[in-house]
Amino acid sequence: MRITAVDTWPVFMKLEEPYEIAYEKVYETINVFLRIETNQGFIGYGCAAPDEHITGETDKSVLSSIEAIARENLIGSDPLRIAMLMERLKPLMKGNPSALSALDMALFDILGKVANLPLWRLLGGFKDRMRTSITIGIMPLDETLEKTREWIKRGFKSLKLKGGIDVESDIVRVLKVRELVGEKIELRFDANQGFSVEDALKFVNETRNANLELIEQPTPRGQPDLLGRVTAAAHIPVMADESLMTLRDAFRIARRELADMVNIKLMKVGGILESLQINAVARSAGLEVMVGCMDEAALAIAAGLHFALARPNVAYIDLDSHLVLMNDPSDGAVIIRDGILFPNSGPGLGYTP
C-alpha cells in the first residue's frame, strides 16, 4: 500500500459563546483538516488545532508545513509504517506539533480501517467510554452559577472552572459553585499559569471545603521550580499542562516530582504515537494522566478519546471543546450522553465526512 495524496483545508468556526482564560479571550478558532489517500482506497482523516500561545503555530504555518514538507515525504510511502514516517517528519517539522498530530491521527485512522477495528481497541481497548469534564471560563459569579446550572441540567457531572486572573474572586467562585452543586459533582480548577506560588497555595487552602479534585497548571510553564513548590505544599493533586510539551518534559516532571498528574494533549505533543510514549513515562513514575484538548473539532476530540480509552492509567478526560463550536464539519465524530463520551463504532477514528 502506498500514499497517493495528502490534502489540507482550513475550517473557520465560531464559538457559541466566547470564553476567557488567564491569558486570552477566545471567540473563534481555525482548525486545519487533513486527508491522506492510498492506492488501495483507504483514506485517513486528521485535524490540527493550532494555538499560537501554546504550540506557537497558526493555521497558515500548519498548512505550509504539511504542504511544503509532509506531502513531499509521505507520497509513495507505506502508511502503515507510522513510527518510521513520524520519526522522519519530526525533525523536519520541529515546532509544528499540531500539524504532526493531524498527520499522526490520519495515519492511525488508516491503520484502524485496514485492520477493520476502532482505534481504541487496536491500541489496547481498556475502556469503551469515559466521563468528560465540561469547562466554564472566567466570568462573573452570577454568570458562573448560571452556566453551572445549564451544564448540570445537560447531564454533566464533572466541571472544570477556569481562573488565574484574580485569586480572591476565584476562591469565591469555587466555593459558591460547590455550594450550588453539592458533593456529588466533580470539581476541578485550572489557573492556566496565572498564579504565583503564594496565590496558588492561598487558593488551595481557602477552597479546602470545596473538595477540589485537582488544580491544573497554577504557575508559569517557563518556571518549573514554581510548579514543584506548589506540588510539594498543596494538599490536592497538582497537574502539569502547559509545562508538558514533549517527551523530555514528561521525563523532567517525573524525575523532579514537579507535579502529581499530567495533562496530555495531542496538539501539544505531536499526536497519538508521542502520547503513548509520554503516557508510559507517566505510568512508570506513578503520575495520573488526563487527556485534554485545545479548541478542537470533534474529529480531533475523537483521536484524543481513542487514545484515552486504550490506556489503563488515563484517569480523566477533558474533551469538551467541540460542544461549543458552530459549523463543525466533523460533528458526530464522537457521541456524548449525560457527560459520557463514547467513540463511534466504525473502524479507525470512526469518522466519515
Protein backbone atom coordinates (compact mmCIF):
# COMPACT_ATOMS: atom_id res chain seq x y z
CA MET A 1 0.00 0.00 0.00
CA ARG A 2 1.23 3.48 -0.84
CA ILE A 3 0.15 7.04 -0.04
CA THR A 4 -1.07 8.79 -3.16
CA ALA A 5 -2.36 12.15 -1.91
CA VAL A 6 -2.17 14.48 1.10
CA ASP A 7 -4.77 17.26 1.10
CA THR A 8 -5.43 20.03 3.64
CA TRP A 9 -8.08 22.69 4.12
CA PRO A 10 -8.72 25.24 6.88
CA VAL A 11 -12.11 25.46 8.62
CA PHE A 12 -13.18 28.61 10.47
CA MET A 13 -15.55 28.00 13.38
CA LYS A 14 -17.12 30.48 15.77
CA LEU A 15 -17.85 29.57 19.36
CA GLU A 16 -21.45 29.62 20.57
CA GLU A 17 -20.21 31.84 23.40
CA PRO A 18 -16.73 33.34 23.84
CA TYR A 19 -14.78 32.19 26.87
CA GLU A 20 -11.97 33.73 28.88
CA ILE A 21 -8.91 32.12 30.47
CA ALA A 22 -5.97 33.68 32.31
CA TYR A 23 -4.13 34.90 29.21
CA GLU A 24 -6.76 35.35 26.45
CA LYS A 25 -10.40 35.59 25.43
CA VAL A 26 -11.48 33.22 22.67
CA TYR A 27 -14.28 33.99 20.20
CA GLU A 28 -13.42 31.69 17.28
CA THR A 29 -10.96 29.09 16.09
CA ILE A 30 -9.46 27.74 12.88
CA ASN A 31 -8.75 24.03 12.56
CA VAL A 32 -6.85 22.53 9.65
CA PHE A 33 -8.36 19.31 8.33
CA LEU A 34 -6.27 16.69 6.58
CA ARG A 35 -6.97 13.77 4.27
CA ILE A 36 -4.43 11.08 3.34
CA GLU A 37 -5.39 8.82 0.42
CA THR A 38 -3.88 5.48 -0.56
CA ASN A 39 -3.73 3.39 -3.72
CA GLN A 40 -5.91 0.72 -2.09
CA GLY A 41 -8.83 3.02 -1.35
CA PHE A 42 -8.19 3.52 2.35
CA ILE A 43 -8.49 7.17 3.43
CA GLY A 44 -7.35 8.61 6.75
CA TYR A 45 -8.51 11.88 8.28
CA GLY A 46 -6.79 14.18 10.74
CA CYS A 47 -7.27 17.59 12.28
CA ALA A 48 -4.87 20.22 13.64
CA ALA A 49 -5.91 22.87 16.18
CA PRO A 50 -3.00 25.33 16.25
CA ASP A 51 -2.69 27.73 19.18
CA GLU A 52 -0.12 30.48 18.87
CA HIS A 53 0.09 30.94 22.66
CA ILE A 54 0.76 27.25 23.36
CA THR A 55 2.14 25.49 20.27
CA GLY A 56 3.50 28.59 18.50
CA GLU A 57 1.52 27.73 15.36
CA THR A 58 -1.11 29.39 13.21
CA ASP A 59 -3.39 27.88 10.60
CA LYS A 60 -1.06 29.29 7.93
CA SER A 61 2.04 27.71 9.45
CA VAL A 62 0.26 24.35 9.76
CA LEU A 63 -0.88 24.44 6.14
CA SER A 64 2.58 25.48 4.99
CA SER A 65 4.43 22.77 6.93
CA ILE A 66 2.14 20.00 5.72
CA GLU A 67 2.07 21.14 2.11
CA ALA A 68 5.78 22.01 1.83
CA ILE A 69 7.28 19.23 3.96
CA ALA A 70 4.89 16.42 4.86
CA ARG A 71 3.38 15.90 1.42
CA GLU A 72 6.78 15.51 -0.21
CA ASN A 73 7.92 13.00 2.42
CA LEU A 74 4.71 10.95 2.52
CA ILE A 75 3.74 10.47 -1.12
CA GLY A 76 4.75 6.96 -2.16
CA SER A 77 5.32 5.75 1.41
CA ASP A 78 3.65 2.85 3.21
CA PRO A 79 1.05 4.47 5.55
CA LEU A 80 1.17 1.53 7.97
CA ARG A 81 4.78 2.31 8.94
CA ILE A 82 3.62 5.03 11.30
CA ALA A 83 6.64 5.13 13.61
CA MET A 84 9.07 5.36 10.71
CA LEU A 85 7.09 8.13 8.99
CA MET A 86 6.64 10.20 12.14
CA GLU A 87 10.31 9.89 13.08
CA ARG A 88 11.17 11.08 9.58
CA LEU A 89 8.82 14.08 9.86
CA LYS A 90 9.56 15.22 13.43
CA PRO A 91 12.95 16.88 12.80
CA LEU A 92 11.69 18.40 9.56
CA MET A 93 8.57 19.84 11.20
CA LYS A 94 10.01 20.85 14.56
CA GLY A 95 7.84 23.48 16.21
CA ASN A 96 4.69 22.23 14.47
CA PRO A 97 3.17 19.77 16.98
CA SER A 98 -0.48 20.19 15.94
CA ALA A 99 0.47 19.66 12.29
CA LEU A 100 2.31 16.48 13.29
CA SER A 101 -0.72 15.46 15.34
CA ALA A 102 -3.03 15.77 12.31
CA LEU A 103 -0.71 13.60 10.24
CA ASP A 104 -0.31 11.07 13.03
CA MET A 105 -4.06 10.67 13.57
CA ALA A 106 -4.72 10.30 9.84
CA LEU A 107 -2.14 7.50 9.66
CA PHE A 108 -3.67 5.78 12.68
CA ASP A 109 -7.09 6.20 11.09
CA ILE A 110 -5.84 4.29 8.05
CA LEU A 111 -4.32 1.59 10.27
CA GLY A 112 -7.66 1.08 12.03
CA LYS A 113 -9.51 0.90 8.74
CA VAL A 114 -7.08 -1.64 7.33
CA ALA A 115 -7.45 -3.74 10.50
CA ASN A 116 -11.23 -3.10 10.48
CA LEU A 117 -11.08 -2.15 14.16
CA PRO A 118 -11.90 1.01 16.10
CA LEU A 119 -8.62 2.61 17.11
CA TRP A 120 -9.29 2.36 20.86
CA ARG A 121 -9.49 -1.44 20.50
CA LEU A 122 -6.38 -1.59 18.33
CA LEU A 123 -4.37 0.46 20.86
CA GLY A 124 -5.37 -1.60 23.88
CA GLY A 125 -9.12 -1.42 24.44
CA PHE A 126 -9.07 -0.80 28.20
CA LYS A 127 -12.37 1.15 28.40
CA ASP A 128 -15.22 1.80 25.99
CA ARG A 129 -16.42 5.14 27.44
CA MET A 130 -15.28 7.89 29.81
CA ARG A 131 -16.80 10.82 31.66
CA THR A 132 -15.53 14.18 30.42
CA SER A 133 -15.38 17.39 32.37
CA ILE A 134 -17.01 20.48 30.92
CA THR A 135 -15.15 23.78 31.11
CA ILE A 136 -16.53 27.05 32.46
CA GLY A 137 -14.40 30.05 31.56
CA ILE A 138 -13.64 33.10 33.68
CA MET A 139 -16.84 35.10 34.16
CA PRO A 140 -18.67 36.98 36.92
CA LEU A 141 -20.06 34.91 39.77
CA ASP A 142 -23.72 35.12 38.73
CA GLU A 143 -22.86 34.04 35.17
CA THR A 144 -20.66 31.23 36.50
CA LEU A 145 -23.54 29.89 38.58
CA GLU A 146 -25.97 30.15 35.68
CA LYS A 147 -23.59 28.33 33.35
CA THR A 148 -23.10 25.67 36.03
CA ARG A 149 -26.86 25.12 36.21
CA GLU A 150 -27.05 24.78 32.42
CA TRP A 151 -24.36 22.10 32.22
CA ILE A 152 -25.74 20.16 35.17
CA LYS A 153 -29.17 20.10 33.50
CA ARG A 154 -27.50 18.65 30.41
CA GLY A 155 -26.20 15.75 32.49
CA PHE A 156 -22.58 16.74 33.14
CA LYS A 157 -21.21 15.57 36.48
CA SER A 158 -17.68 16.94 36.21
CA LEU A 159 -16.94 20.67 35.99
CA LYS A 160 -13.65 22.48 35.37
CA LEU A 161 -13.54 26.15 36.36
CA LYS A 162 -11.01 28.46 34.73
CA GLY A 163 -9.24 31.16 36.72
CA GLY A 164 -5.84 32.65 37.36
CA ILE A 165 -6.52 36.37 36.94
CA ASP A 166 -7.71 37.23 40.46
CA VAL A 167 -7.24 34.73 43.25
CA GLU A 168 -9.83 36.27 45.55
CA SER A 169 -12.66 36.05 43.01
CA ASP A 170 -11.50 32.54 42.04
CA ILE A 171 -11.86 31.41 45.65
CA VAL A 172 -15.38 32.83 45.89
CA ARG A 173 -16.47 31.30 42.57
CA VAL A 174 -15.22 27.84 43.51
CA LEU A 175 -16.86 27.88 46.94
CA LYS A 176 -20.16 29.14 45.55
CA VAL A 177 -20.20 26.55 42.77
CA ARG A 178 -19.61 23.76 45.30
CA GLU A 179 -22.42 25.15 47.43
CA LEU A 180 -24.70 25.11 44.37
CA VAL A 181 -23.92 21.63 43.03
CA GLY A 182 -23.50 19.67 46.24
CA GLU A 183 -20.95 16.94 46.89
CA LYS A 184 -21.75 14.50 44.05
CA ILE A 185 -20.38 16.69 41.23
CA GLU A 186 -16.66 16.51 40.46
CA LEU A 187 -15.00 19.93 40.58
CA ARG A 188 -11.60 20.85 39.10
CA PHE A 189 -9.77 24.17 38.70
CA ASP A 190 -7.37 25.40 36.01
CA ALA A 191 -5.30 28.55 36.57
CA ASN A 192 -3.64 28.44 33.12
CA GLN A 193 -0.29 29.66 34.53
CA GLY A 194 -1.89 32.71 36.17
CA PHE A 195 -0.86 32.25 39.81
CA SER A 196 2.27 32.87 41.81
CA VAL A 197 3.25 30.19 44.31
CA GLU A 198 1.75 32.28 47.08
CA ASP A 199 -1.54 32.77 45.22
CA ALA A 200 -1.75 29.08 44.36
CA LEU A 201 -1.27 27.97 47.96
CA LYS A 202 -3.70 30.61 49.21
CA PHE A 203 -6.24 29.34 46.68
CA VAL A 204 -5.92 25.63 47.58
CA ASN A 205 -6.02 26.34 51.31
CA GLU A 206 -9.04 28.65 51.20
CA THR A 207 -11.00 26.33 48.89
CA ARG A 208 -10.36 23.27 51.04
CA ASN A 209 -14.08 22.91 51.80
CA ALA A 210 -14.85 22.74 48.07
CA ASN A 211 -13.13 19.34 47.84
CA LEU A 212 -11.45 20.08 44.53
CA GLU A 213 -10.14 17.04 42.66
CA LEU A 214 -7.09 18.91 41.38
CA ILE A 215 -5.55 22.23 40.41
CA GLU A 216 -4.15 22.46 36.90
CA GLN A 217 -1.03 24.43 35.86
CA PRO A 218 -1.12 27.08 38.59
CA THR A 219 2.25 28.68 37.71
CA PRO A 220 4.08 29.81 34.52
CA ARG A 221 5.42 26.96 32.41
CA GLY A 222 8.80 28.60 31.97
CA GLN A 223 9.50 28.33 35.71
CA PRO A 224 9.19 24.63 36.55
CA ASP A 225 10.58 25.06 40.07
CA LEU A 226 7.50 27.10 40.98
CA LEU A 227 5.23 24.25 39.92
CA GLY A 228 7.28 21.89 42.06
CA ARG A 229 6.93 24.17 45.10
CA VAL A 230 3.15 24.19 44.76
CA THR A 231 3.09 20.41 44.33
CA ALA A 232 5.18 19.88 47.44
CA ALA A 233 2.97 22.09 49.60
CA ALA A 234 -0.57 21.59 48.27
CA HIS A 235 -2.96 19.09 49.85
CA ILE A 236 -4.66 18.37 46.50
CA PRO A 237 -3.09 16.93 43.33
CA VAL A 238 -1.31 19.42 41.06
CA MET A 239 -1.44 18.83 37.32
CA ALA A 240 1.08 19.97 34.71
CA ASP A 241 -0.46 21.12 31.42
CA GLU A 242 1.43 23.84 29.55
CA SER A 243 4.62 22.57 31.23
CA LEU A 244 4.25 19.30 29.31
CA MET A 245 5.03 19.79 25.62
CA THR A 246 7.46 16.97 24.84
CA LEU A 247 8.57 13.52 25.94
CA ARG A 248 11.59 15.17 27.55
CA ASP A 249 9.27 17.42 29.59
CA ALA A 250 7.46 14.33 30.87
CA PHE A 251 10.76 12.84 32.00
CA ARG A 252 11.79 16.05 33.79
CA ILE A 253 8.42 16.41 35.53
CA ALA A 254 8.56 12.79 36.69
CA ARG A 255 12.22 12.80 37.73
CA ARG A 256 11.97 16.03 39.73
CA GLU A 257 8.47 15.32 41.08
CA LEU A 258 7.22 18.66 39.78
CA ALA A 259 3.59 17.53 39.54
CA ASP A 260 1.26 14.77 40.68
CA MET A 261 -0.54 14.50 37.34
CA VAL A 262 -0.03 15.44 33.70
CA ASN A 263 -2.41 16.64 31.00
CA ILE A 264 -1.55 15.07 27.66
CA LYS A 265 -2.94 16.94 24.67
CA LEU A 266 -2.32 15.51 21.22
CA MET A 267 -1.95 19.00 19.76
CA LYS A 268 0.83 19.92 22.20
CA VAL A 269 2.90 16.78 21.93
CA GLY A 270 2.50 15.82 18.27
CA GLY A 271 -0.08 13.05 18.14
CA ILE A 272 -1.06 9.61 19.38
CA LEU A 273 2.31 7.90 18.93
CA GLU A 274 4.11 10.51 21.03
CA SER A 275 1.29 10.48 23.58
CA LEU A 276 1.71 6.75 24.06
CA GLN A 277 5.37 7.28 24.94
CA ILE A 278 4.64 10.17 27.30
CA ASN A 279 1.93 8.11 28.93
CA ALA A 280 4.41 5.28 29.52
CA VAL A 281 6.76 7.69 31.32
CA ALA A 282 3.87 8.95 33.44
CA ARG A 283 2.76 5.45 34.33
CA SER A 284 6.25 4.35 35.27
CA ALA A 285 6.52 7.35 37.61
CA GLY A 286 3.09 6.82 39.16
CA LEU A 287 1.64 10.01 37.68
CA GLU A 288 -2.05 10.04 36.86
CA VAL A 289 -2.94 11.21 33.36
CA MET A 290 -5.68 13.38 31.94
CA VAL A 291 -6.22 13.67 28.19
CA GLY A 292 -7.20 17.23 27.33
CA CYS A 293 -7.83 19.34 24.28
CA MET A 294 -7.33 22.75 22.69
CA ASP A 295 -10.10 24.42 20.66
CA GLU A 296 -10.59 21.24 18.65
CA ALA A 297 -13.23 19.98 16.26
CA ALA A 298 -14.92 16.66 17.01
CA LEU A 299 -12.51 14.73 14.76
CA ALA A 300 -9.54 15.71 16.92
CA ILE A 301 -11.59 15.02 20.05
CA ALA A 302 -12.22 11.52 18.68
CA ALA A 303 -8.47 10.91 18.35
CA GLY A 304 -7.89 12.02 21.95
CA LEU A 305 -10.75 9.82 23.15
CA HIS A 306 -9.49 6.71 21.33
CA PHE A 307 -6.07 7.20 22.92
CA ALA A 308 -7.56 7.76 26.39
CA LEU A 309 -9.80 4.69 26.21
CA ALA A 310 -6.90 2.45 25.27
CA ARG A 311 -4.63 3.11 28.26
CA PRO A 312 -5.39 1.92 31.82
CA ASN A 313 -3.71 4.80 33.66
CA VAL A 314 -5.65 7.60 31.93
CA ALA A 315 -7.86 8.58 34.84
CA TYR A 316 -9.55 11.69 33.43
CA ILE A 317 -10.52 13.30 30.16
CA ASP A 318 -11.30 16.93 29.43
CA LEU A 319 -12.54 16.57 25.86
CA ASP A 320 -15.27 19.15 25.50
CA SER A 321 -14.19 21.87 23.04
CA HIS A 322 -16.33 20.51 20.19
CA LEU A 323 -19.51 21.07 22.20
CA VAL A 324 -19.38 24.85 21.75
CA LEU A 325 -18.17 25.03 18.12
CA MET A 326 -20.53 26.18 15.38
CA ASN A 327 -20.46 24.56 11.91
CA ASP A 328 -18.02 21.82 12.85
CA PRO A 329 -17.76 19.63 9.70
CA SER A 330 -16.82 16.63 11.85
CA ASP A 331 -19.77 16.96 14.23
CA GLY A 332 -20.79 13.47 15.31
CA ALA A 333 -17.27 12.01 15.29
CA VAL A 334 -17.87 11.23 18.98
CA ILE A 335 -21.07 10.52 20.89
CA ILE A 336 -21.97 12.19 24.18
CA ARG A 337 -24.69 11.18 26.61
CA ASP A 338 -25.07 12.83 30.03
CA GLY A 339 -21.44 13.91 30.06
CA ILE A 340 -20.13 10.47 29.00
CA LEU A 341 -18.09 10.32 25.79
CA PHE A 342 -18.35 7.26 23.53
CA PRO A 343 -16.41 6.52 20.35
CA ASN A 344 -18.20 5.74 17.13
CA SER A 345 -18.28 2.05 16.29
CA GLY A 346 -16.64 2.37 12.88
CA PRO A 347 -13.03 1.36 12.15
CA GLY A 348 -10.16 3.77 12.78
CA LEU A 349 -11.41 7.03 14.26
CA GLY A 350 -14.94 6.19 13.16
CA TYR A 351 -15.25 9.39 11.14
CA THR A 352 -16.81 9.57 7.68
CA PRO A 353 -17.20 13.01 6.09
